[in-house]
N, C-alpha and C. Protein backbone atom coordinates (compact mmCIF):
# COMPACT_ATOMS: atom_id res chain seq x y z
N UNK A 1 -32.04 2.70 9.56
CA UNK A 1 -31.73 2.96 8.19
C UNK A 1 -31.91 4.44 7.86
N UNK A 2 -32.91 5.09 8.48
CA UNK A 2 -33.14 6.50 8.17
C UNK A 2 -32.02 7.37 8.72
N UNK A 3 -31.37 6.96 9.84
CA UNK A 3 -30.23 7.71 10.35
C UNK A 3 -29.07 7.70 9.36
N UNK A 4 -28.84 6.54 8.74
CA UNK A 4 -27.79 6.43 7.74
C UNK A 4 -28.10 7.32 6.55
N UNK A 5 -29.35 7.28 6.09
CA UNK A 5 -29.77 8.11 4.97
C UNK A 5 -29.57 9.58 5.29
N UNK A 6 -29.98 10.00 6.48
CA UNK A 6 -29.85 11.41 6.88
C UNK A 6 -28.38 11.83 6.96
N UNK A 7 -27.53 10.94 7.44
CA UNK A 7 -26.11 11.24 7.53
C UNK A 7 -25.50 11.42 6.14
N UNK A 8 -25.85 10.52 5.23
CA UNK A 8 -25.36 10.63 3.85
C UNK A 8 -25.89 11.90 3.20
N UNK A 9 -27.17 12.18 3.40
CA UNK A 9 -27.79 13.37 2.83
C UNK A 9 -27.13 14.64 3.35
N UNK A 10 -26.86 14.69 4.65
CA UNK A 10 -26.21 15.86 5.24
C UNK A 10 -24.79 16.03 4.69
N UNK A 11 -24.07 14.92 4.56
CA UNK A 11 -22.71 14.99 4.02
C UNK A 11 -22.69 15.48 2.59
N UNK A 12 -23.63 15.01 1.78
CA UNK A 12 -23.71 15.47 0.39
C UNK A 12 -24.08 16.94 0.33
N UNK A 13 -24.97 17.35 1.22
CA UNK A 13 -25.34 18.77 1.28
C UNK A 13 -24.15 19.64 1.62
N UNK A 14 -23.34 19.20 2.57
CA UNK A 14 -22.14 19.95 2.94
C UNK A 14 -21.15 20.00 1.78
N UNK A 15 -21.01 18.90 1.06
CA UNK A 15 -20.10 18.88 -0.08
C UNK A 15 -20.55 19.87 -1.15
N UNK A 16 -21.84 19.94 -1.39
CA UNK A 16 -22.37 20.88 -2.38
C UNK A 16 -22.13 22.32 -1.93
N UNK A 17 -22.40 22.59 -0.66
CA UNK A 17 -22.19 23.95 -0.14
C UNK A 17 -20.71 24.33 -0.18
N UNK A 18 -19.86 23.39 0.11
CA UNK A 18 -18.41 23.67 0.04
C UNK A 18 -18.00 23.99 -1.39
N UNK A 19 -18.50 23.21 -2.33
CA UNK A 19 -18.17 23.43 -3.74
C UNK A 19 -18.65 24.80 -4.21
N UNK A 20 -19.75 25.25 -3.68
CA UNK A 20 -20.27 26.58 -4.04
C UNK A 20 -19.53 27.71 -3.32
N UNK A 21 -18.63 27.35 -2.40
CA UNK A 21 -17.86 28.36 -1.67
C UNK A 21 -18.56 28.88 -0.43
N UNK A 22 -19.59 28.20 0.01
CA UNK A 22 -20.37 28.64 1.17
C UNK A 22 -19.85 28.11 2.51
N UNK A 23 -18.82 27.29 2.50
CA UNK A 23 -18.25 26.76 3.74
C UNK A 23 -16.75 27.02 3.76
N UNK A 24 -16.34 28.27 3.96
CA UNK A 24 -14.91 28.59 3.90
C UNK A 24 -14.08 27.97 5.02
N UNK A 25 -14.72 27.54 6.10
CA UNK A 25 -13.98 26.97 7.22
C UNK A 25 -13.56 25.52 6.99
N UNK A 26 -14.08 24.90 5.94
CA UNK A 26 -13.74 23.51 5.66
C UNK A 26 -12.34 23.45 5.08
N UNK A 27 -11.49 22.65 5.69
CA UNK A 27 -10.11 22.51 5.21
C UNK A 27 -10.04 21.42 4.15
N UNK A 28 -9.36 21.72 3.09
CA UNK A 28 -9.16 20.74 2.03
C UNK A 28 -7.69 20.70 1.68
N UNK A 29 -7.29 19.68 1.00
CA UNK A 29 -5.90 19.55 0.58
C UNK A 29 -5.84 18.84 -0.76
N UNK A 30 -4.75 19.07 -1.44
CA UNK A 30 -4.53 18.39 -2.71
C UNK A 30 -3.27 17.57 -2.57
N UNK A 31 -3.28 16.43 -3.22
CA UNK A 31 -2.16 15.51 -3.16
C UNK A 31 -1.73 15.13 -4.56
N UNK A 32 -0.45 14.94 -4.71
CA UNK A 32 0.08 14.34 -5.93
C UNK A 32 0.57 12.96 -5.53
N UNK A 33 0.07 11.95 -6.19
CA UNK A 33 0.43 10.58 -5.85
C UNK A 33 1.42 10.06 -6.88
N UNK A 34 2.52 9.54 -6.39
CA UNK A 34 3.53 8.98 -7.28
C UNK A 34 2.94 7.81 -8.06
N UNK A 35 3.30 7.69 -9.32
CA UNK A 35 2.80 6.56 -10.10
C UNK A 35 3.19 5.24 -9.45
N UNK A 36 2.35 4.27 -9.63
CA UNK A 36 2.59 2.95 -9.07
C UNK A 36 3.52 2.18 -9.99
N UNK A 37 4.68 1.83 -9.47
CA UNK A 37 5.65 1.07 -10.24
C UNK A 37 5.29 -0.41 -10.15
N UNK A 38 5.42 -1.12 -11.25
CA UNK A 38 5.16 -2.55 -11.26
C UNK A 38 6.49 -3.29 -11.31
N UNK A 39 6.74 -4.09 -10.30
CA UNK A 39 8.00 -4.82 -10.21
C UNK A 39 7.96 -6.10 -11.02
N UNK A 40 9.09 -6.40 -11.70
CA UNK A 40 9.17 -7.66 -12.43
C UNK A 40 9.77 -8.73 -11.52
N UNK A 41 9.78 -9.95 -12.00
CA UNK A 41 10.20 -11.09 -11.18
C UNK A 41 11.62 -10.94 -10.64
N UNK A 42 12.53 -10.47 -11.46
CA UNK A 42 13.91 -10.30 -11.02
C UNK A 42 14.06 -9.23 -9.95
N UNK A 43 13.31 -8.14 -10.09
CA UNK A 43 13.37 -7.07 -9.10
C UNK A 43 12.80 -7.53 -7.76
N UNK A 44 11.75 -8.32 -7.81
CA UNK A 44 11.16 -8.84 -6.58
C UNK A 44 12.15 -9.76 -5.87
N UNK A 45 12.78 -10.64 -6.62
CA UNK A 45 13.78 -11.54 -6.06
C UNK A 45 14.94 -10.74 -5.45
N UNK A 46 15.35 -9.68 -6.14
CA UNK A 46 16.45 -8.85 -5.64
C UNK A 46 16.08 -8.16 -4.33
N UNK A 47 14.87 -7.64 -4.23
CA UNK A 47 14.41 -7.00 -2.99
C UNK A 47 14.41 -8.02 -1.86
N UNK A 48 13.91 -9.22 -2.15
CA UNK A 48 13.86 -10.27 -1.11
C UNK A 48 15.26 -10.68 -0.67
N UNK A 49 16.16 -10.87 -1.61
CA UNK A 49 17.51 -11.32 -1.25
C UNK A 49 18.29 -10.23 -0.52
N UNK A 50 18.02 -8.96 -0.84
CA UNK A 50 18.67 -7.87 -0.09
C UNK A 50 18.19 -7.83 1.35
N UNK A 51 17.01 -8.38 1.59
CA UNK A 51 16.49 -8.49 2.95
C UNK A 51 17.02 -9.75 3.65
N UNK A 52 17.78 -10.57 2.90
CA UNK A 52 18.30 -11.84 3.42
C UNK A 52 17.18 -12.75 3.92
N UNK A 53 16.14 -12.88 3.10
CA UNK A 53 14.98 -13.68 3.49
C UNK A 53 14.71 -14.79 2.48
N UNK A 54 14.18 -15.87 3.02
CA UNK A 54 13.68 -16.94 2.17
C UNK A 54 12.34 -16.50 1.61
N UNK A 55 11.85 -17.23 0.62
CA UNK A 55 10.52 -16.91 0.09
C UNK A 55 9.47 -17.06 1.17
N UNK A 56 9.61 -18.07 2.02
CA UNK A 56 8.64 -18.31 3.09
C UNK A 56 8.62 -17.15 4.08
N UNK A 57 9.77 -16.70 4.51
CA UNK A 57 9.83 -15.60 5.47
C UNK A 57 9.32 -14.30 4.85
N UNK A 58 9.71 -14.04 3.61
CA UNK A 58 9.26 -12.84 2.90
C UNK A 58 7.73 -12.86 2.77
N UNK A 59 7.17 -14.02 2.50
CA UNK A 59 5.72 -14.16 2.40
C UNK A 59 5.06 -13.81 3.74
N UNK A 60 5.63 -14.29 4.84
CA UNK A 60 5.07 -13.99 6.16
C UNK A 60 5.10 -12.49 6.43
N UNK A 61 6.20 -11.86 6.07
CA UNK A 61 6.35 -10.42 6.30
C UNK A 61 5.31 -9.63 5.50
N UNK A 62 5.08 -10.03 4.25
CA UNK A 62 4.14 -9.31 3.38
C UNK A 62 2.69 -9.75 3.59
N UNK A 63 2.48 -10.81 4.35
CA UNK A 63 1.13 -11.28 4.61
C UNK A 63 0.50 -11.99 3.42
N UNK A 64 1.34 -12.68 2.65
CA UNK A 64 0.85 -13.46 1.51
C UNK A 64 1.36 -14.89 1.67
N UNK A 65 0.94 -15.77 0.79
CA UNK A 65 1.39 -17.15 0.88
C UNK A 65 2.75 -17.31 0.20
N UNK A 66 3.52 -18.32 0.61
CA UNK A 66 4.79 -18.59 -0.07
C UNK A 66 4.59 -18.86 -1.57
N UNK A 67 3.47 -19.46 -1.94
CA UNK A 67 3.17 -19.71 -3.35
C UNK A 67 3.04 -18.38 -4.12
N UNK A 68 2.52 -17.37 -3.45
CA UNK A 68 2.40 -16.05 -4.08
C UNK A 68 3.77 -15.48 -4.41
N UNK A 69 4.68 -15.54 -3.44
CA UNK A 69 6.05 -15.04 -3.68
C UNK A 69 6.69 -15.86 -4.79
N UNK A 70 6.52 -17.15 -4.74
CA UNK A 70 7.07 -18.04 -5.77
C UNK A 70 6.55 -17.64 -7.16
N UNK A 71 5.26 -17.39 -7.26
CA UNK A 71 4.68 -17.05 -8.57
C UNK A 71 5.11 -15.65 -9.02
N UNK A 72 5.31 -14.72 -8.08
CA UNK A 72 5.83 -13.41 -8.47
C UNK A 72 7.23 -13.55 -9.04
N UNK A 73 8.05 -14.32 -8.34
CA UNK A 73 9.44 -14.47 -8.77
C UNK A 73 9.57 -15.31 -10.03
N UNK A 74 8.60 -16.16 -10.30
CA UNK A 74 8.61 -16.94 -11.53
C UNK A 74 8.01 -16.14 -12.69
N UNK A 75 7.35 -15.04 -12.37
CA UNK A 75 6.74 -14.22 -13.40
C UNK A 75 5.38 -14.68 -13.85
N UNK A 76 4.80 -15.65 -13.15
CA UNK A 76 3.48 -16.14 -13.55
C UNK A 76 2.35 -15.28 -12.98
N UNK A 77 2.60 -14.56 -11.90
CA UNK A 77 1.64 -13.60 -11.33
C UNK A 77 2.38 -12.31 -11.02
N UNK A 78 1.62 -11.25 -10.86
CA UNK A 78 2.18 -9.94 -10.53
C UNK A 78 1.59 -9.46 -9.21
N UNK A 79 2.38 -8.71 -8.44
CA UNK A 79 1.87 -8.17 -7.17
C UNK A 79 0.72 -7.18 -7.41
N UNK A 80 -0.16 -7.07 -6.42
CA UNK A 80 -1.25 -6.10 -6.46
C UNK A 80 -0.69 -4.71 -6.20
N UNK A 81 -1.56 -3.72 -6.28
CA UNK A 81 -1.14 -2.34 -6.02
C UNK A 81 -0.52 -2.16 -4.65
N UNK A 82 -1.18 -2.67 -3.61
CA UNK A 82 -0.66 -2.51 -2.25
C UNK A 82 0.67 -3.23 -2.09
N UNK A 83 0.79 -4.41 -2.66
CA UNK A 83 2.06 -5.15 -2.57
C UNK A 83 3.16 -4.41 -3.32
N UNK A 84 2.84 -3.81 -4.46
CA UNK A 84 3.83 -3.03 -5.19
C UNK A 84 4.31 -1.83 -4.37
N UNK A 85 3.40 -1.18 -3.66
CA UNK A 85 3.81 -0.06 -2.80
C UNK A 85 4.76 -0.55 -1.70
N UNK A 86 4.44 -1.70 -1.10
CA UNK A 86 5.30 -2.24 -0.05
C UNK A 86 6.66 -2.60 -0.63
N UNK A 87 6.69 -3.21 -1.80
CA UNK A 87 7.96 -3.54 -2.45
C UNK A 87 8.76 -2.26 -2.72
N UNK A 88 8.07 -1.21 -3.12
CA UNK A 88 8.74 0.06 -3.38
C UNK A 88 9.40 0.59 -2.11
N UNK A 89 8.67 0.53 -1.00
CA UNK A 89 9.23 0.99 0.27
C UNK A 89 10.44 0.16 0.68
N UNK A 90 10.35 -1.15 0.49
CA UNK A 90 11.47 -2.03 0.83
C UNK A 90 12.67 -1.77 -0.08
N UNK A 91 12.42 -1.47 -1.34
CA UNK A 91 13.51 -1.18 -2.27
C UNK A 91 14.21 0.12 -1.90
N UNK A 92 13.46 1.06 -1.35
CA UNK A 92 14.03 2.36 -0.99
C UNK A 92 14.72 2.36 0.36
N UNK A 93 14.29 1.49 1.26
CA UNK A 93 14.84 1.48 2.62
C UNK A 93 15.00 0.04 3.09
N UNK A 94 16.23 -0.44 3.04
CA UNK A 94 16.53 -1.82 3.41
C UNK A 94 16.28 -2.10 4.89
N UNK A 95 16.18 -1.06 5.72
CA UNK A 95 15.97 -1.23 7.16
C UNK A 95 14.53 -0.93 7.58
N UNK A 96 13.65 -0.79 6.63
CA UNK A 96 12.27 -0.43 6.91
C UNK A 96 11.59 -1.40 7.88
N UNK A 97 11.80 -2.68 7.68
CA UNK A 97 11.12 -3.68 8.51
C UNK A 97 11.55 -3.61 9.96
N UNK A 98 12.82 -3.35 10.20
CA UNK A 98 13.30 -3.21 11.58
C UNK A 98 12.86 -1.87 12.16
N UNK A 99 12.90 -0.84 11.34
CA UNK A 99 12.56 0.51 11.79
C UNK A 99 11.14 0.56 12.36
N UNK A 100 10.24 -0.18 11.73
CA UNK A 100 8.85 -0.17 12.18
C UNK A 100 8.48 -1.43 12.95
N UNK A 101 9.47 -2.13 13.47
CA UNK A 101 9.29 -3.29 14.32
C UNK A 101 8.43 -4.38 13.70
N UNK A 102 8.54 -4.52 12.38
CA UNK A 102 7.83 -5.60 11.70
C UNK A 102 8.62 -6.89 11.89
N UNK A 103 9.93 -6.77 11.87
CA UNK A 103 10.78 -7.92 12.19
C UNK A 103 11.86 -7.48 13.17
N UNK A 104 12.45 -8.46 13.82
CA UNK A 104 13.59 -8.21 14.69
C UNK A 104 14.65 -9.24 14.32
N UNK A 105 15.73 -8.75 13.76
CA UNK A 105 16.81 -9.66 13.35
C UNK A 105 17.58 -10.09 14.58
N UNK A 106 17.95 -11.39 14.59
CA UNK A 106 18.69 -11.91 15.77
C UNK A 106 20.03 -12.43 15.36
C-alpha cells in the first residue's frame, strides 16, 4: 500500500512542478473534442438499415442486447455516450465495420 501512496505522491509532485514551469521537458497537448451528438430512434434505425443489418446482428456488432437496440429504435431508451460515438462513426463511414475487420460480409 505504501508503494501505491508513494507513486501517487510522486505523480502529484511532478504535476505541481510542471504547473510551476519547472519541468520543461514534459510534453503536453491540448485537444478539442467534438460535441457528443445524441441520436434519435429514427436516425438509429436508419444507420442500422444502411448497414443492412437486423436488430439482432446490429446488437452483436455493438456489444449490446437486441432488446437495447429495440428500445433505442422505439425511443424508450437512449444510447450511452460510447454508443453514440460508435453510431456517429457508422453514420460517417458505411464501410467502417469491414475496414476494421469487425465484420466480414459474405
